[in-house]
Amino acid sequence: EQDLAFRAAFETFVIEPAGFDHRAHVRLAYAYLAGSEVEQAFQDM
């Protein structure tokens, strides 16, 4: 649920640029890959 909320927060611009660090980038990649094939996850990200 926390990962879904994180992805939604990013996609709706709740997360500020200053809060989007390397760990957040990796987490977003994880969130897209959890439900998609590599190419789709890349396109979504």
PDB file of all heavy atoms in Angstrom:
ATOM      1  N   GLU A   1       0.838  -1.208   0.000  1.00  0.00           N
ATOM      2  CA  GLU A   1       0.000   0.000   0.000  1.00  0.00           C
ATOM      3  C   GLU A   1       0.872   1.256   0.000  1.00  0.00           C
ATOM      4  O   GLU A   1       0.555   2.233  -0.665  1.00  0.00           O
ATOM      5  CB  GLU A   1      -0.943   0.003   1.208  1.00  0.00           C
ATOM      6  CG  GLU A   1      -2.050  -1.025   1.117  1.00  0.00           C
ATOM      7  CD  GLU A   1      -2.990  -0.782  -0.053  1.00  0.00           C
ATOM      8  OE1 GLU A   1      -3.349   0.387  -0.322  1.00  0.00           O
ATOM      9  OE2 GLU A   1      -3.357  -1.773  -0.720  1.00  0.00           O
ATOM     10  N   GLN A   2       1.980   1.206   0.740  1.00  0.00           N
ATOM     11  CA  GLN A   2       2.883   2.357   0.798  1.00  0.00           C
ATOM     12  C   GLN A   2       3.531   2.622  -0.562  1.00  0.00           C
ATOM     13  O   GLN A   2       3.706   3.779  -0.957  1.00  0.00           O
ATOM     14  CB  GLN A   2       3.971   2.145   1.864  1.00  0.00           C
ATOM     15  CG  GLN A   2       3.468   2.093   3.275  1.00  0.00           C
ATOM     16  CD  GLN A   2       2.987   0.696   3.693  1.00  0.00           C
ATOM     17  OE1 GLN A   2       3.032  -0.265   2.923  1.00  0.00           O
ATOM     18  NE2 GLN A   2       2.490   0.602   4.909  1.00  0.00           N
ATOM     19  N   ASP A   3       3.880   1.549  -1.282  1.00  0.00           N
ATOM     20  CA  ASP A   3       4.495   1.713  -2.603  1.00  0.00           C
ATOM     21  C   ASP A   3       3.486   2.255  -3.613  1.00  0.00           C
ATOM     22  O   ASP A   3       3.820   3.098  -4.444  1.00  0.00           O
ATOM     23  CB  ASP A   3       5.090   0.394  -3.093  1.00  0.00           C
ATOM     24  CG  ASP A   3       6.262  -0.061  -2.235  1.00  0.00           C
ATOM     25  OD1 ASP A   3       6.988   0.802  -1.710  1.00  0.00           O
ATOM     26  OD2 ASP A   3       6.439  -1.285  -2.094  1.00  0.00           O
ATOM     27  N   LEU A   4       2.244   1.769  -3.543  1.00  0.00           N
ATOM     28  CA  LEU A   4       1.187   2.300  -4.407  1.00  0.00           C
ATOM     29  C   LEU A   4       0.949   3.783  -4.114  1.00  0.00           C
ATOM     30  O   LEU A   4       0.801   4.590  -5.042  1.00  0.00           O
ATOM     31  CB  LEU A   4      -0.116   1.517  -4.217  1.00  0.00           C
ATOM     32  CG  LEU A   4      -0.149   0.127  -4.831  1.00  0.00           C
ATOM     33  CD1 LEU A   4      -1.371  -0.645  -4.327  1.00  0.00           C
ATOM     34  CD2 LEU A   4      -0.165   0.217  -6.351  1.00  0.00           C
ATOM     35  N   ALA A   5       0.933   4.134  -2.830  1.00  0.00           N
ATOM     36  CA  ALA A   5       0.729   5.531  -2.443  1.00  0.00           C
ATOM     37  C   ALA A   5       1.898   6.402  -2.911  1.00  0.00           C
ATOM     38  O   ALA A   5       1.682   7.538  -3.368  1.00  0.00           O
ATOM     39  CB  ALA A   5       0.556   5.635  -0.932  1.00  0.00           C
ATOM     40  N   PHE A   6       3.106   5.880  -2.816  1.00  0.00           N
ATOM     41  CA  PHE A   6       4.275   6.623  -3.288  1.00  0.00           C
ATOM     42  C   PHE A   6       4.167   6.903  -4.787  1.00  0.00           C
ATOM     43  O   PHE A   6       4.376   8.032  -5.236  1.00  0.00           O
ATOM     44  CB  PHE A   6       5.564   5.848  -2.988  1.00  0.00           C
ATOM     45  CG  PHE A   6       6.774   6.445  -3.646  1.00  0.00           C
ATOM     46  CD1 PHE A   6       7.401   7.541  -3.097  1.00  0.00           C
ATOM     47  CD2 PHE A   6       7.259   5.920  -4.838  1.00  0.00           C
ATOM     48  CE1 PHE A   6       8.508   8.116  -3.716  1.00  0.00           C
ATOM     49  CE2 PHE A   6       8.361   6.479  -5.463  1.00  0.00           C
ATOM     50  CZ  PHE A   6       8.986   7.589  -4.898  1.00  0.00           C
ATOM     51  N   ARG A   7       3.852   5.855  -5.574  1.00  0.00           N
ATOM     52  CA  ARG A   7       3.724   6.038  -7.019  1.00  0.00           C
ATOM     53  C   ARG A   7       2.639   7.052  -7.340  1.00  0.00           C
ATOM     54  O   ARG A   7       2.826   7.941  -8.171  1.00  0.00           O
ATOM     55  CB  ARG A   7       3.447   4.708  -7.715  1.00  0.00           C
ATOM     56  CG  ARG A   7       3.472   4.840  -9.238  1.00  0.00           C
ATOM     57  CD  ARG A   7       3.306   3.514  -9.929  1.00  0.00           C
ATOM     58  NE  ARG A   7       1.935   3.067  -9.784  1.00  0.00           N
ATOM     59  CZ  ARG A   7       1.517   1.844 -10.044  1.00  0.00           C
ATOM     60  NH1 ARG A   7       2.369   0.908 -10.433  1.00  0.00           N
ATOM     61  NH2 ARG A   7       0.255   1.519  -9.906  1.00  0.00           N
ATOM     62  N   ALA A   8       1.494   6.948  -6.682  1.00  0.00           N
ATOM     63  CA  ALA A   8       0.397   7.895  -6.907  1.00  0.00           C
ATOM     64  C   ALA A   8       0.810   9.316  -6.529  1.00  0.00           C
ATOM     65  O   ALA A   8       0.492  10.274  -7.245  1.00  0.00           O
ATOM     66  CB  ALA A   8      -0.839   7.468  -6.125  1.00  0.00           C
ATOM     67  N   ALA A   9       1.535   9.456  -5.425  1.00  0.00           N
ATOM     68  CA  ALA A   9       1.997  10.782  -5.000  1.00  0.00           C
ATOM     69  C   ALA A   9       2.952  11.380  -6.030  1.00  0.00           C
ATOM     70  O   ALA A   9       2.898  12.575  -6.329  1.00  0.00           O
ATOM     71  CB  ALA A   9       2.669  10.702  -3.627  1.00  0.00           C
ATOM     72  N   PHE A  10       3.805  10.554  -6.587  1.00  0.00           N
ATOM     73  CA  PHE A  10       4.716  11.052  -7.619  1.00  0.00           C
ATOM     74  C   PHE A  10       3.939  11.466  -8.867  1.00  0.00           C
ATOM     75  O   PHE A  10       4.153  12.542  -9.418  1.00  0.00           O
ATOM     76  CB  PHE A  10       5.776  10.002  -7.977  1.00  0.00           C
ATOM     77  CG  PHE A  10       6.764  10.526  -8.973  1.00  0.00           C
ATOM     78  CD1 PHE A  10       7.803  11.332  -8.555  1.00  0.00           C
ATOM     79  CD2 PHE A  10       6.631  10.257 -10.329  1.00  0.00           C
ATOM     80  CE1 PHE A  10       8.710  11.870  -9.480  1.00  0.00           C
ATOM     81  CE2 PHE A  10       7.528  10.767 -11.252  1.00  0.00           C
ATOM     82  CZ  PHE A  10       8.564  11.579 -10.824  1.00  0.00           C
ATOM     83  N   GLU A  11       3.030  10.600  -9.302  1.00  0.00           N
ATOM     84  CA  GLU A  11       2.277  10.850 -10.536  1.00  0.00           C
ATOM     85  C   GLU A  11       1.331  12.044 -10.420  1.00  0.00           C
ATOM     86  O   GLU A  11       0.957  12.624 -11.437  1.00  0.00           O
ATOM     87  CB  GLU A  11       1.508   9.599 -10.938  1.00  0.00           C
ATOM     88  CG  GLU A  11       2.423   8.478 -11.393  1.00  0.00           C
ATOM     89  CD  GLU A  11       1.695   7.168 -11.649  1.00  0.00           C
ATOM     90  OE1 GLU A  11       0.535   7.006 -11.197  1.00  0.00           O
ATOM     91  OE2 GLU A  11       2.308   6.291 -12.299  1.00  0.00           O
ATOM     92  N   THR A  12       0.951  12.407  -9.210  1.00  0.00           N
ATOM     93  CA  THR A  12       0.057  13.557  -9.009  1.00  0.00           C
ATOM     94  C   THR A  12       0.812  14.768  -8.465  1.00  0.00           C
ATOM     95  O   THR A  12       0.189  15.720  -7.985  1.00  0.00           O
ATOM     96  CB  THR A  12      -1.118  13.187  -8.078  1.00  0.00           C
ATOM     97  OG1 THR A  12      -0.601  12.710  -6.836  1.00  0.00           O
ATOM     98  CG2 THR A  12      -2.008  12.123  -8.710  1.00  0.00           C
ATOM     99  N   PHE A  13       2.112  14.708  -8.545  1.00  0.00           N
ATOM    100  CA  PHE A  13       2.997  15.837  -8.225  1.00  0.00           C
ATOM    101  C   PHE A  13       2.945  16.281  -6.766  1.00  0.00           C
ATOM    102  O   PHE A  13       3.232  17.434  -6.454  1.00  0.00           O
ATOM    103  CB  PHE A  13       2.718  17.020  -9.167  1.00  0.00           C
ATOM    104  CG  PHE A  13       2.611  16.608 -10.608  1.00  0.00           C
ATOM    105  CD1 PHE A  13       1.428  16.783 -11.318  1.00  0.00           C
ATOM    106  CD2 PHE A  13       3.679  16.010 -11.254  1.00  0.00           C
ATOM    107  CE1 PHE A  13       1.315  16.382 -12.641  1.00  0.00           C
ATOM    108  CE2 PHE A  13       3.582  15.608 -12.577  1.00  0.00           C
ATOM    109  CZ  PHE A  13       2.397  15.793 -13.268  1.00  0.00           C
ATOM    110  N   VAL A  14       2.592  15.367  -5.878  1.00  0.00           N
ATOM    111  CA  VAL A  14       2.619  15.665  -4.450  1.00  0.00           C
ATOM    112  C   VAL A  14       4.066  15.714  -3.960  1.00  0.00           C
ATOM    113  O   VAL A  14       4.407  16.509  -3.089  1.00  0.00           O
ATOM    114  CB  VAL A  14       1.790  14.621  -3.663  1.00  0.00           C
ATOM    115  CG1 VAL A  14       1.950  14.808  -2.159  1.00  0.00           C
ATOM    116  CG2 VAL A  14       0.320  14.691  -4.072  1.00  0.00           C
ATOM    117  N   ILE A  15       4.908  14.883  -4.539  1.00  0.00           N
ATOM    118  CA  ILE A  15       6.326  14.848  -4.162  1.00  0.00           C
ATOM    119  C   ILE A  15       7.032  16.045  -4.796  1.00  0.00           C
ATOM    120  O   ILE A  15       6.902  16.296  -5.997  1.00  0.00           O
ATOM    121  CB  ILE A  15       6.974  13.517  -4.587  1.00  0.00           C
ATOM    122  CG1 ILE A  15       6.324  12.366  -3.809  1.00  0.00           C
ATOM    123  CG2 ILE A  15       8.481  13.547  -4.386  1.00  0.00           C
ATOM    124  CD1 ILE A  15       6.767  10.998  -4.232  1.00  0.00           C
ATOM    125  N   GLU A  16       7.765  16.750  -3.977  1.00  0.00           N
ATOM    126  CA  GLU A  16       8.517  17.922  -4.441  1.00  0.00           C
ATOM    127  C   GLU A  16       9.841  17.482  -5.059  1.00  0.00           C
ATOM    128  O   GLU A  16      10.403  16.459  -4.650  1.00  0.00           O
ATOM    129  CB  GLU A  16       8.806  18.857  -3.261  1.00  0.00           C
ATOM    130  CG  GLU A  16       7.565  19.457  -2.641  1.00  0.00           C
ATOM    131  CD  GLU A  16       6.898  20.473  -3.547  1.00  0.00           C
ATOM    132  OE1 GLU A  16       7.628  21.189  -4.272  1.00  0.00           O
ATOM    133  OE2 GLU A  16       5.664  20.548  -3.536  1.00  0.00           O
ATOM    134  N   PRO A  17      10.378  18.253  -6.002  1.00  0.00           N
ATOM    135  CA  PRO A  17      11.671  17.894  -6.593  1.00  0.00           C
ATOM    136  C   PRO A  17      12.768  17.668  -5.550  1.00  0.00           C
ATOM    137  O   PRO A  17      13.568  16.747  -5.692  1.00  0.00           O
ATOM    138  CB  PRO A  17      11.995  19.091  -7.491  1.00  0.00           C
ATOM    139  CG  PRO A  17      10.659  19.647  -7.862  1.00  0.00           C
ATOM    140  CD  PRO A  17       9.795  19.443  -6.634  1.00  0.00           C
ATOM    141  N   ALA A  18      12.800  18.460  -4.497  1.00  0.00           N
ATOM    142  CA  ALA A  18      13.835  18.299  -3.478  1.00  0.00           C
ATOM    143  C   ALA A  18      13.715  16.962  -2.756  1.00  0.00           C
ATOM    144  O   ALA A  18      14.702  16.445  -2.237  1.00  0.00           O
ATOM    145  CB  ALA A  18      13.757  19.439  -2.465  1.00  0.00           C
ATOM    146  N   GLY A  19      12.528  16.385  -2.733  1.00  0.00           N
ATOM    147  CA  GLY A  19      12.314  15.108  -2.070  1.00  0.00           C
ATOM    148  C   GLY A  19      12.473  13.909  -2.977  1.00  0.00           C
ATOM    149  O   GLY A  19      12.337  12.764  -2.536  1.00  0.00           O
ATOM    150  N   PHE A  20      12.782  14.167  -4.233  1.00  0.00           N
ATOM    151  CA  PHE A  20      12.906  13.070  -5.196  1.00  0.00           C
ATOM    152  C   PHE A  20      14.383  12.772  -5.431  1.00  0.00           C
ATOM    153  O   PHE A  20      14.977  13.153  -6.420  1.00  0.00           O
ATOM    154  CB  PHE A  20      12.178  13.410  -6.495  1.00  0.00           C
ATOM    155  CG  PHE A  20      12.002  12.217  -7.392  1.00  0.00           C
ATOM    156  CD1 PHE A  20      11.255  11.118  -6.981  1.00  0.00           C
ATOM    157  CD2 PHE A  20      12.586  12.179  -8.642  1.00  0.00           C
ATOM    158  CE1 PHE A  20      11.100  10.012  -7.795  1.00  0.00           C
ATOM    159  CE2 PHE A  20      12.432  11.074  -9.467  1.00  0.00           C
ATOM    160  CZ  PHE A  20      11.696   9.991  -9.045  1.00  0.00           C
ATOM    161  N   ASP A  21      14.963  12.058  -4.481  1.00  0.00           N
ATOM    162  CA  ASP A  21      16.374  11.734  -4.512  1.00  0.00           C
ATOM    163  C   ASP A  21      16.613  10.382  -5.204  1.00  0.00           C
ATOM    164  O   ASP A  21      15.692   9.797  -5.775  1.00  0.00           O
ATOM    165  CB  ASP A  21      16.941  11.732  -3.095  1.00  0.00           C
ATOM    166  CG  ASP A  21      16.229  10.729  -2.171  1.00  0.00           C
ATOM    167  OD1 ASP A  21      15.399   9.917  -2.638  1.00  0.00           O
ATOM    168  OD2 ASP A  21      16.512  10.773  -0.966  1.00  0.00           O
ATOM    169  N   HIS A  22      17.845   9.903  -5.131  1.00  0.00           N
ATOM    170  CA  HIS A  22      18.193   8.639  -5.797  1.00  0.00           C
ATOM    171  C   HIS A  22      17.339   7.479  -5.292  1.00  0.00           C
ATOM    172  O   HIS A  22      16.822   6.679  -6.078  1.00  0.00           O
ATOM    173  CB  HIS A  22      19.681   8.319  -5.634  1.00  0.00           C
ATOM    174  CG  HIS A  22      20.041   6.988  -6.189  1.00  0.00           C
ATOM    175  ND1 HIS A  22      20.043   6.729  -7.546  1.00  0.00           N
ATOM    176  CD2 HIS A  22      20.354   5.823  -5.577  1.00  0.00           C
ATOM    177  CE1 HIS A  22      20.358   5.458  -7.741  1.00  0.00           C
ATOM    178  NE2 HIS A  22      20.551   4.894  -6.561  1.00  0.00           N
ATOM    179  N   ARG A  23      17.157   7.384  -3.982  1.00  0.00           N
ATOM    180  CA  ARG A  23      16.347   6.302  -3.414  1.00  0.00           C
ATOM    181  C   ARG A  23      14.923   6.353  -3.979  1.00  0.00           C
ATOM    182  O   ARG A  23      14.340   5.319  -4.300  1.00  0.00           O
ATOM    183  CB  ARG A  23      16.317   6.410  -1.886  1.00  0.00           C
ATOM    184  CG  ARG A  23      15.602   5.251  -1.207  1.00  0.00           C
ATOM    185  CD  ARG A  23      15.620   5.419   0.330  1.00  0.00           C
ATOM    186  NE  ARG A  23      15.285   4.208   1.039  1.00  0.00           N
ATOM    187  CZ  ARG A  23      14.044   3.746   1.199  1.00  0.00           C
ATOM    188  NH1 ARG A  23      13.025   4.400   0.692  1.00  0.00           N
ATOM    189  NH2 ARG A  23      13.834   2.621   1.867  1.00  0.00           N
ATOM    190  N   ALA A  24      14.379   7.548  -4.103  1.00  0.00           N
ATOM    191  CA  ALA A  24      13.027   7.699  -4.656  1.00  0.00           C
ATOM    192  C   ALA A  24      12.987   7.274  -6.118  1.00  0.00           C
ATOM    193  O   ALA A  24      12.008   6.665  -6.565  1.00  0.00           O
ATOM    194  CB  ALA A  24      12.548   9.134  -4.481  1.00  0.00           C
ATOM    195  N   HIS A  25      14.032   7.573  -6.876  1.00  0.00           N
ATOM    196  CA  HIS A  25      14.108   7.114  -8.268  1.00  0.00           C
ATOM    197  C   HIS A  25      14.066   5.582  -8.322  1.00  0.00           C
ATOM    198  O   HIS A  25      13.347   5.003  -9.135  1.00  0.00           O
ATOM    199  CB  HIS A  25      15.410   7.593  -8.932  1.00  0.00           C
ATOM    200  CG  HIS A  25      15.358   8.950  -9.524  1.00  0.00           C
ATOM    201  ND1 HIS A  25      15.526  10.084  -8.779  1.00  0.00           N
ATOM    202  CD2 HIS A  25      15.186   9.345 -10.808  1.00  0.00           C
ATOM    203  CE1 HIS A  25      15.461  11.135  -9.577  1.00  0.00           C
ATOM    204  NE2 HIS A  25      15.250  10.721 -10.822  1.00  0.00           N
ATOM    205  N   VAL A  26      14.860   4.936  -7.479  1.00  0.00           N
ATOM    206  CA  VAL A  26      14.900   3.468  -7.456  1.00  0.00           C
ATOM    207  C   VAL A  26      13.539   2.921  -7.029  1.00  0.00           C
ATOM    208  O   VAL A  26      13.044   1.943  -7.600  1.00  0.00           O
ATOM    209  CB  VAL A  26      16.040   2.962  -6.539  1.00  0.00           C
ATOM    210  CG1 VAL A  26      15.997   1.447  -6.393  1.00  0.00           C
ATOM    211  CG2 VAL A  26      17.395   3.402  -7.093  1.00  0.00           C
ATOM    212  N   ARG A  27      12.914   3.566  -6.056  1.00  0.00           N
ATOM    213  CA  ARG A  27      11.596   3.122  -5.600  1.00  0.00           C
ATOM    214  C   ARG A  27      10.560   3.246  -6.715  1.00  0.00           C
ATOM    215  O   ARG A  27       9.708   2.375  -6.885  1.00  0.00           O
ATOM    216  CB  ARG A  27      11.160   3.932  -4.382  1.00  0.00           C
ATOM    217  CG  ARG A  27       9.872   3.419  -3.776  1.00  0.00           C
ATOM    218  CD  ARG A  27       9.505   4.181  -2.518  1.00  0.00           C
ATOM    219  NE  ARG A  27       8.385   3.551  -1.851  1.00  0.00           N
ATOM    220  CZ  ARG A  27       7.814   4.030  -0.765  1.00  0.00           C
ATOM    221  NH1 ARG A  27       8.280   5.136  -0.199  1.00  0.00           N
ATOM    222  NH2 ARG A  27       6.789   3.402  -0.226  1.00  0.00           N
ATOM    223  N   LEU A  28      10.634   4.314  -7.486  1.00  0.00           N
ATOM    224  CA  LEU A  28       9.693   4.484  -8.590  1.00  0.00           C
ATOM    225  C   LEU A  28       9.911   3.395  -9.641  1.00  0.00           C
ATOM    226  O   LEU A  28       8.944   2.821 -10.158  1.00  0.00           O
ATOM    227  CB  LEU A  28       9.828   5.879  -9.205  1.00  0.00           C
ATOM    228  CG  LEU A  28       8.752   6.266 -10.205  1.00  0.00           C
ATOM    229  CD1 LEU A  28       7.361   6.275  -9.557  1.00  0.00           C
ATOM    230  CD2 LEU A  28       9.067   7.634 -10.807  1.00  0.00           C
ATOM    231  N   ALA A  29      11.156   3.086  -9.935  1.00  0.00           N
ATOM    232  CA  ALA A  29      11.449   2.000 -10.877  1.00  0.00           C
ATOM    233  C   ALA A  29      10.858   0.688 -10.364  1.00  0.00           C
ATOM    234  O   ALA A  29      10.216  -0.060 -11.110  1.00  0.00           O
ATOM    235  CB  ALA A  29      12.957   1.867 -11.089  1.00  0.00           C
ATOM    236  N   TYR A  30      11.048   0.413  -9.082  1.00  0.00           N
ATOM    237  CA  TYR A  30      10.485  -0.785  -8.458  1.00  0.00           C
ATOM    238  C   TYR A  30       8.958  -0.789  -8.606  1.00  0.00           C
ATOM    239  O   TYR A  30       8.366  -1.808  -8.968  1.00  0.00           O
ATOM    240  CB  TYR A  30      10.889  -0.819  -6.980  1.00  0.00           C
ATOM    241  CG  TYR A  30      10.258  -1.933  -6.190  1.00  0.00           C
ATOM    242  CD1 TYR A  30      10.885  -3.172  -6.086  1.00  0.00           C
ATOM    243  CD2 TYR A  30       9.042  -1.764  -5.533  1.00  0.00           C
ATOM    244  CE1 TYR A  30      10.316  -4.211  -5.352  1.00  0.00           C
ATOM    245  CE2 TYR A  30       8.465  -2.792  -4.794  1.00  0.00           C
ATOM    246  CZ  TYR A  30       9.103  -4.005  -4.718  1.00  0.00           C
ATOM    247  OH  TYR A  30       8.525  -5.032  -3.999  1.00  0.00           O
ATOM    248  N   ALA A  31       8.332   0.341  -8.340  1.00  0.00           N
ATOM    249  CA  ALA A  31       6.868   0.431  -8.404  1.00  0.00           C
ATOM    250  C   ALA A  31       6.355   0.150  -9.812  1.00  0.00           C
ATOM    251  O   ALA A  31       5.333  -0.523  -9.981  1.00  0.00           O
ATOM    252  CB  ALA A  31       6.407   1.805  -7.929  1.00  0.00           C
ATOM    253  N   TYR A  32       7.044   0.636 -10.821  1.00  0.00           N
ATOM    254  CA  TYR A  32       6.602   0.370 -12.200  1.00  0.00           C
ATOM    255  C   TYR A  32       6.905  -1.062 -12.617  1.00  0.00           C
ATOM    256  O   TYR A  32       6.117  -1.690 -13.321  1.00  0.00           O
ATOM    257  CB  TYR A  32       7.224   1.365 -13.175  1.00  0.00           C
ATOM    258  CG  TYR A  32       6.572   2.727 -13.096  1.00  0.00           C
ATOM    259  CD1 TYR A  32       7.316   3.870 -12.872  1.00  0.00           C
ATOM    260  CD2 TYR A  32       5.194   2.868 -13.232  1.00  0.00           C
ATOM    261  CE1 TYR A  32       6.718   5.113 -12.793  1.00  0.00           C
ATOM    262  CE2 TYR A  32       4.584   4.112 -13.152  1.00  0.00           C
ATOM    263  CZ  TYR A  32       5.353   5.228 -12.933  1.00  0.00           C
ATOM    264  OH  TYR A  32       4.750   6.459 -12.850  1.00  0.00           O
ATOM    265  N   LEU A  33       8.028  -1.591 -12.188  1.00  0.00           N
ATOM    266  CA  LEU A  33       8.390  -2.958 -12.571  1.00  0.00           C
ATOM    267  C   LEU A  33       7.530  -4.014 -11.883  1.00  0.00           C
ATOM    268  O   LEU A  33       7.340  -5.102 -12.417  1.00  0.00           O
ATOM    269  CB  LEU A  33       9.863  -3.214 -12.255  1.00  0.00           C
ATOM    270  CG  LEU A  33      10.841  -2.605 -13.241  1.00  0.00           C
ATOM    271  CD1 LEU A  33      12.234  -2.541 -12.631  1.00  0.00           C
ATOM    272  CD2 LEU A  33      10.852  -3.385 -14.545  1.00  0.00           C
ATOM    273  N   ALA A  34       7.011  -3.711 -10.707  1.00  0.00           N
ATOM    274  CA  ALA A  34       6.217  -4.695  -9.959  1.00  0.00           C
ATOM    275  C   ALA A  34       4.978  -5.129 -10.728  1.00  0.00           C
ATOM    276  O   ALA A  34       4.499  -6.235 -10.541  1.00  0.00           O
ATOM    277  CB  ALA A  34       5.832  -4.132  -8.594  1.00  0.00           C
ATOM    278  N   GLY A  35       4.485  -4.286 -11.605  1.00  0.00           N
ATOM    279  CA  GLY A  35       3.272  -4.638 -12.323  1.00  0.00           C
ATOM    280  C   GLY A  35       3.401  -4.693 -13.829  1.00  0.00           C
ATOM    281  O   GLY A  35       2.400  -4.811 -14.526  1.00  0.00           O
ATOM    282  N   SER A  36       4.628  -4.602 -14.344  1.00  0.00           N
ATOM    283  CA  SER A  36       4.804  -4.504 -15.794  1.00  0.00           C
ATOM    284  C   SER A  36       6.062  -5.214 -16.267  1.00  0.00           C
ATOM    285  O   SER A  36       6.975  -5.466 -15.488  1.00  0.00           O
ATOM    286  CB  SER A  36       4.939  -3.030 -16.205  1.00  0.00           C
ATOM    287  OG  SER A  36       3.821  -2.285 -15.853  1.00  0.00           O
ATOM    288  N   GLU A  37       6.100  -5.446 -17.541  1.00  0.00           N
ATOM    289  CA  GLU A  37       7.323  -5.910 -18.192  1.00  0.00           C
ATOM    290  C   GLU A  37       8.307  -4.736 -18.256  1.00  0.00           C
ATOM    291  O   GLU A  37       7.907  -3.581 -18.107  1.00  0.00           O
ATOM    292  CB  GLU A  37       7.016  -6.416 -19.603  1.00  0.00           C
ATOM    293  CG  GLU A  37       6.157  -7.661 -19.640  1.00  0.00           C
ATOM    294  CD  GLU A  37       6.886  -8.878 -19.093  1.00  0.00           C
ATOM    295  OE1 GLU A  37       8.103  -9.005 -19.336  1.00  0.00           O
ATOM    296  OE2 GLU A  37       6.238  -9.691 -18.406  1.00  0.00           O
ATOM    297  N   VAL A  38       9.553  -5.040 -18.515  1.00  0.00           N
ATOM    298  CA  VAL A  38      10.605  -4.029 -18.505  1.00  0.00           C
ATOM    299  C   VAL A  38      10.292  -2.856 -19.436  1.00  0.00           C
ATOM    300  O   VAL A  38      10.394  -1.695 -19.031  1.00  0.00           O
ATOM    301  CB  VAL A  38      11.974  -4.658 -18.866  1.00  0.00           C
ATOM    302  CG1 VAL A  38      13.025  -3.586 -19.096  1.00  0.00           C
ATOM    303  CG2 VAL A  38      12.412  -5.611 -17.777  1.00  0.00           C
ATOM    304  N   GLU A  39       9.928  -3.134 -20.663  1.00  0.00           N
ATOM    305  CA  GLU A  39       9.716  -2.042 -21.624  1.00  0.00           C
ATOM    306  C   GLU A  39       8.556  -1.153 -21.201  1.00  0.00           C
ATOM    307  O   GLU A  39       8.642   0.076 -21.289  1.00  0.00           O
ATOM    308  CB  GLU A  39       9.501  -2.581 -23.036  1.00  0.00           C
ATOM    309  CG  GLU A  39       9.450  -1.501 -24.097  1.00  0.00           C
ATOM    310  CD  GLU A  39      10.689  -0.605 -24.149  1.00  0.00           C
ATOM    311  OE1 GLU A  39      11.812  -1.079 -23.881  1.00  0.00           O
ATOM    312  OE2 GLU A  39      10.528   0.609 -24.455  1.00  0.00           O
ATOM    313  N   GLN A  40       7.480  -1.746 -20.732  1.00  0.00           N
ATOM    314  CA  GLN A  40       6.336  -0.943 -20.275  1.00  0.00           C
ATOM    315  C   GLN A  40       6.708  -0.133 -19.050  1.00  0.00           C
ATOM    316  O   GLN A  40       6.341   1.036 -18.929  1.00  0.00           O
ATOM    317  CB  GLN A  40       5.128  -1.835 -19.983  1.00  0.00           C
ATOM    318  CG  GLN A  40       3.879  -1.037 -19.639  1.00  0.00           C
ATOM    319  CD  GLN A  40       3.445  -0.133 -20.784  1.00  0.00           C
ATOM    320  OE1 GLN A  40       3.246  -0.587 -21.898  1.00  0.00           O
ATOM    321  NE2 GLN A  40       3.306   1.161 -20.508  1.00  0.00           N
ATOM    322  N   ALA A  41       7.441  -0.739 -18.124  1.00  0.00           N
ATOM    323  CA  ALA A  41       7.883  -0.016 -16.923  1.00  0.00           C
ATOM    324  C   ALA A  41       8.753   1.169 -17.319  1.00  0.00           C
ATOM    325  O   ALA A  41       8.614   2.270 -16.759  1.00  0.00           O
ATOM    326  CB  ALA A  41       8.637  -0.955 -15.988  1.00  0.00           C
ATOM    327  N   PHE A  42       9.644   0.970 -18.282  1.00  0.00           N
ATOM    328  CA  PHE A  42      10.489   2.070 -18.740  1.00  0.00           C
ATOM    329  C   PHE A  42       9.638   3.184 -19.336  1.00  0.00           C
ATOM    330  O   PHE A  42       9.831   4.359 -19.025  1.00  0.00           O
ATOM    331  CB  PHE A  42      11.533   1.591 -19.762  1.00  0.00           C
ATOM    332  CG  PHE A  42      12.216   2.735 -20.436  1.00  0.00           C
ATOM    333  CD1 PHE A  42      13.132   3.514 -19.745  1.00  0.00           C
ATOM    334  CD2 PHE A  42      11.916   3.071 -21.745  1.00  0.00           C
ATOM    335  CE1 PHE A  42      13.745   4.601 -20.356  1.00  0.00           C
ATOM    336  CE2 PHE A  42      12.523   4.144 -22.362  1.00  0.00           C
ATOM    337  CZ  PHE A  42      13.440   4.915 -21.669  1.00  0.00           C
ATOM    338  N   GLN A  43       8.690   2.832 -20.197  1.00  0.00           N
ATOM    339  CA  GLN A  43       7.844   3.853 -20.831  1.00  0.00           C
ATOM    340  C   GLN A  43       7.029   4.613 -19.780  1.00  0.00           C
ATOM    341  O   GLN A  43       6.895   5.835 -19.850  1.00  0.00           O
ATOM    342  CB  GLN A  43       6.921   3.217 -21.878  1.00  0.00           C
ATOM    343  CG  GLN A  43       7.658   2.665 -23.093  1.00  0.00           C
ATOM    344  CD  GLN A  43       8.471   3.701 -23.852  1.00  0.00           C
ATOM    345  OE1 GLN A  43       8.137   4.878 -23.886  1.00  0.00           O
ATOM    346  NE2 GLN A  43       9.568   3.268 -24.450  1.00  0.00           N
ATOM    347  N   ASP A  44       6.489   3.877 -18.806  1.00  0.00           N
ATOM    348  CA  ASP A  44       5.711   4.522 -17.739  1.00  0.00           C
ATOM    349  C   ASP A  44       6.587   5.458 -16.910  1.00  0.00           C
ATOM    350  O   ASP A  44       6.185   6.584 -16.589  1.00  0.00           O
ATOM    351  CB  ASP A  44       5.066   3.476 -16.830  1.00  0.00           C
ATOM    352  CG  ASP A  44       3.972   2.676 -17.522  1.00  0.00           C
ATOM    353  OD1 ASP A  44       3.477   3.096 -18.584  1.00  0.00           O
ATOM    354  OD2 ASP A  44       3.613   1.609 -16.988  1.00  0.00           O
ATOM    355  N   MET A  45       7.776   4.983 -16.569  1.00  0.00           N
ATOM    356  CA  MET A  45       8.667   5.809 -15.762  1.00  0.00           C
ATOM    357  C   MET A  45       9.122   7.036 -16.546  1.00  0.00           C
ATOM    358  O   MET A  45       9.137   8.154 -16.021  1.00  0.00           O
ATOM    359  CB  MET A  45       9.873   5.009 -15.285  1.00  0.00           C
ATOM    360  CG  MET A  45      10.760   5.809 -14.350  1.00  0.00           C
ATOM    361  SD  MET A  45      11.581   4.751 -13.175  1.00  0.00           S
ATOM    362  CE  MET A  45      12.622   5.933 -12.353  1.00  0.00           C
TER     363      MET A  45
END
